[in-house]
Amino acid sequence: MGDKSPKSNQKKSTQKQSKVSSADQKKKQAAVAKQAAGKKK
């Protein structure tokens, strides 16, 4: 369970990064959608 090999540590860090980036992308997409809706009005 307490695996401290470099590979497992790399996996954890990359998973965290992908989660954060996907959340950022969703925020950006929402902002773009809001801007597009505002322009239509």
C-alpha atoms as a PDB file:
ATOM      1  CA  MET A   1       0.000   0.000   0.000  1.00  0.00           C
ATOM      2  CA  GLY A   2       2.742   2.446   0.928  1.00  0.00           C
ATOM      3  CA  ASP A   3       4.375   2.222  -2.503  1.00  0.00           C
ATOM      4  CA  LYS A   4       6.947   5.008  -2.746  1.00  0.00           C
ATOM      5  CA  SER A   5       8.450   4.023  -6.094  1.00  0.00           C
ATOM      6  CA  PRO A   6       8.996   6.891  -8.561  1.00  0.00           C
ATOM      7  CA  LYS A   7       6.510   5.408 -11.041  1.00  0.00           C
ATOM      8  CA  SER A   8       3.595   5.436  -8.584  1.00  0.00           C
ATOM      9  CA  ASN A   9       4.494   8.993  -7.525  1.00  0.00           C
ATOM     10  CA  GLN A  10       4.546  10.120 -11.154  1.00  0.00           C
ATOM     11  CA  LYS A  11       1.149   8.538 -11.773  1.00  0.00           C
ATOM     12  CA  LYS A  12      -0.354  10.363  -8.810  1.00  0.00           C
ATOM     13  CA  SER A  13       1.071  13.729  -9.874  1.00  0.00           C
ATOM     14  CA  THR A  14      -0.091  13.329 -13.488  1.00  0.00           C
ATOM     15  CA  GLN A  15      -3.576  12.328 -12.349  1.00  0.00           C
ATOM     16  CA  LYS A  16      -3.774  15.441 -10.186  1.00  0.00           C
ATOM     17  CA  GLN A  17      -2.614  17.613 -13.080  1.00  0.00           C
ATOM     18  CA  SER A  18      -5.169  16.121 -15.492  1.00  0.00           C
ATOM     19  CA  LYS A  19      -7.964  16.692 -12.959  1.00  0.00           C
ATOM     20  CA  VAL A  20      -6.945  20.307 -12.474  1.00  0.00           C
ATOM     21  CA  SER A  21      -6.567  20.964 -16.203  1.00  0.00           C
ATOM     22  CA  SER A  22      -9.977  19.458 -16.990  1.00  0.00           C
ATOM     23  CA  ALA A  23     -11.567  21.643 -14.309  1.00  0.00           C
ATOM     24  CA  ASP A  24      -9.820  24.705 -15.770  1.00  0.00           C
ATOM     25  CA  GLN A  25     -11.037  23.790 -19.250  1.00  0.00           C
ATOM     26  CA  LYS A  26     -14.621  23.530 -18.005  1.00  0.00           C
ATOM     27  CA  LYS A  27     -14.331  26.973 -16.389  1.00  0.00           C
ATOM     28  CA  LYS A  28     -12.919  28.451 -19.604  1.00  0.00           C
ATOM     29  CA  GLN A  29     -15.651  26.852 -21.698  1.00  0.00           C
ATOM     30  CA  ALA A  30     -18.314  28.237 -19.356  1.00  0.00           C
ATOM     31  CA  ALA A  31     -16.776  31.709 -19.602  1.00  0.00           C
ATOM     32  CA  VAL A  32     -16.704  31.507 -23.409  1.00  0.00           C
ATOM     33  CA  ALA A  33     -20.320  30.343 -23.456  1.00  0.00           C
ATOM     34  CA  LYS A  34     -21.328  33.285 -21.267  1.00  0.00           C
ATOM     35  CA  GLN A  35     -19.506  35.714 -23.564  1.00  0.00           C
ATOM     36  CA  ALA A  36     -21.195  34.216 -26.652  1.00  0.00           C
ATOM     37  CA  ALA A  37     -24.615  34.477 -24.964  1.00  0.00           C
ATOM     38  CA  GLY A  38     -23.915  38.083 -24.021  1.00  0.00           C
ATOM     39  CA  LYS A  39     -22.969  38.948 -27.611  1.00  0.00           C
ATOM     40  CA  LYS A  40     -26.193  37.418 -28.964  1.00  0.00           C
ATOM     41  CA  LYS A  41     -28.243  39.778 -26.816  1.00  0.00           C
END
